[in-house]
N, C-alpha and C. Protein backbone atom coordinates (compact mmCIF):
# COMPACT_ATOMS: atom_id res chain seq x y z
N MET A 1 59.95 104.73 167.27
CA MET A 1 59.54 103.37 166.91
C MET A 1 58.98 103.33 165.49
N LEU A 2 58.22 104.36 165.14
CA LEU A 2 57.62 104.43 163.81
C LEU A 2 58.71 104.52 162.74
N ALA A 3 59.74 105.29 163.03
CA ALA A 3 60.85 105.43 162.07
C ALA A 3 61.53 104.08 161.84
N LEU A 4 61.67 103.32 162.91
CA LEU A 4 62.28 101.99 162.81
C LEU A 4 61.44 101.07 161.92
N GLU A 5 60.12 101.13 162.12
CA GLU A 5 59.22 100.32 161.30
C GLU A 5 59.32 100.72 159.83
N LYS A 6 59.37 102.01 159.58
CA LYS A 6 59.46 102.51 158.20
C LYS A 6 60.77 102.07 157.55
N SER A 7 61.87 102.16 158.28
CA SER A 7 63.16 101.77 157.71
C SER A 7 63.21 100.26 157.47
N SER A 8 62.58 99.50 158.35
CA SER A 8 62.52 98.05 158.17
C SER A 8 61.72 97.71 156.91
N LEU A 9 60.60 98.39 156.72
CA LEU A 9 59.79 98.18 155.52
C LEU A 9 60.57 98.56 154.27
N ALA A 10 61.31 99.65 154.33
CA ALA A 10 62.12 100.09 153.19
C ALA A 10 63.16 99.03 152.85
N LEU A 11 63.78 98.46 153.87
CA LEU A 11 64.78 97.41 153.65
C LEU A 11 64.15 96.18 153.02
N ILE A 12 62.99 95.81 153.50
CA ILE A 12 62.29 94.64 152.97
C ILE A 12 61.95 94.86 151.50
N LYS A 13 61.53 96.08 151.17
CA LYS A 13 61.19 96.41 149.78
C LYS A 13 62.42 96.41 148.90
N GLN A 14 63.56 96.81 149.43
CA GLN A 14 64.79 96.91 148.65
C GLN A 14 65.45 95.56 148.41
N THR A 15 65.23 94.62 149.30
CA THR A 15 65.93 93.34 149.24
C THR A 15 65.78 92.62 147.89
N PRO A 16 64.58 92.48 147.35
CA PRO A 16 64.48 91.80 146.04
C PRO A 16 65.27 92.53 144.96
N ASP A 17 65.25 93.87 145.00
CA ASP A 17 66.01 94.65 144.03
C ASP A 17 67.49 94.37 144.16
N ALA A 18 67.97 94.33 145.38
CA ALA A 18 69.39 94.06 145.62
C ALA A 18 69.75 92.68 145.10
N GLU A 19 68.88 91.74 145.33
CA GLU A 19 69.10 90.36 144.86
C GLU A 19 69.15 90.32 143.34
N ALA A 20 68.22 91.03 142.71
CA ALA A 20 68.17 91.08 141.24
C ALA A 20 69.42 91.76 140.69
N LEU A 21 69.85 92.83 141.35
CA LEU A 21 71.05 93.54 140.92
C LEU A 21 72.27 92.65 141.03
N LYS A 22 72.33 91.89 142.12
CA LYS A 22 73.45 90.98 142.33
C LYS A 22 73.50 89.92 141.23
N GLU A 23 72.34 89.36 140.92
CA GLU A 23 72.26 88.35 139.86
C GLU A 23 72.68 88.94 138.53
N ASN A 24 72.20 90.16 138.26
CA ASN A 24 72.53 90.83 137.02
C ASN A 24 74.03 91.10 136.92
N ALA A 25 74.62 91.55 138.01
CA ALA A 25 76.05 91.83 138.04
C ALA A 25 76.86 90.55 137.81
N THR A 26 76.42 89.47 138.41
CA THR A 26 77.08 88.18 138.23
C THR A 26 77.01 87.74 136.78
N LYS A 27 75.83 87.91 136.18
CA LYS A 27 75.63 87.53 134.78
C LYS A 27 76.52 88.38 133.87
N LEU A 28 76.56 89.68 134.14
CA LEU A 28 77.40 90.58 133.34
C LEU A 28 78.87 90.23 133.50
N GLY A 29 79.27 89.88 134.71
CA GLY A 29 80.65 89.49 134.97
C GLY A 29 81.05 88.26 134.18
N LYS A 30 80.15 87.29 134.12
CA LYS A 30 80.41 86.07 133.35
C LYS A 30 80.52 86.38 131.86
N GLU A 31 79.63 87.25 131.37
CA GLU A 31 79.67 87.63 129.95
C GLU A 31 80.98 88.33 129.63
N LEU A 32 81.40 89.21 130.53
CA LEU A 32 82.65 89.95 130.33
C LEU A 32 83.83 88.99 130.28
N LYS A 33 83.82 88.01 131.17
CA LYS A 33 84.88 87.01 131.21
C LYS A 33 84.95 86.24 129.89
N THR A 34 83.76 85.86 129.39
CA THR A 34 83.67 85.14 128.12
C THR A 34 84.20 85.99 126.98
N LEU A 35 83.81 87.26 126.96
CA LEU A 35 84.27 88.17 125.90
C LEU A 35 85.78 88.33 125.93
N ARG A 36 86.34 88.46 127.12
CA ARG A 36 87.79 88.59 127.26
C ARG A 36 88.50 87.35 126.75
N THR A 37 87.96 86.19 127.10
CA THR A 37 88.54 84.92 126.66
C THR A 37 88.51 84.83 125.14
N ASN A 38 87.37 85.17 124.55
CA ASN A 38 87.23 85.13 123.09
C ASN A 38 88.18 86.12 122.42
N LEU A 39 88.36 87.26 123.03
CA LEU A 39 89.26 88.28 122.48
C LEU A 39 90.70 87.77 122.49
N ARG A 40 91.09 87.12 123.59
CA ARG A 40 92.44 86.56 123.68
C ARG A 40 92.67 85.50 122.62
N LYS A 41 91.66 84.67 122.38
CA LYS A 41 91.76 83.60 121.39
C LYS A 41 91.90 84.16 119.98
N SER A 42 91.21 85.26 119.71
CA SER A 42 91.20 85.83 118.35
C SER A 42 92.48 86.60 118.02
N THR A 43 93.24 87.01 119.01
CA THR A 43 94.46 87.78 118.73
C THR A 43 95.68 86.88 118.63
């Protein structure tokens, strides 16, 4: 039971990080898309 509580706490602690990583990845993806579009326009 204690192990279950510990793993639940670990998950709760990780969740904000996962959310931040997801947001960061989305932001980077959008930037990459913009860069690709700009590159196509310039060639």
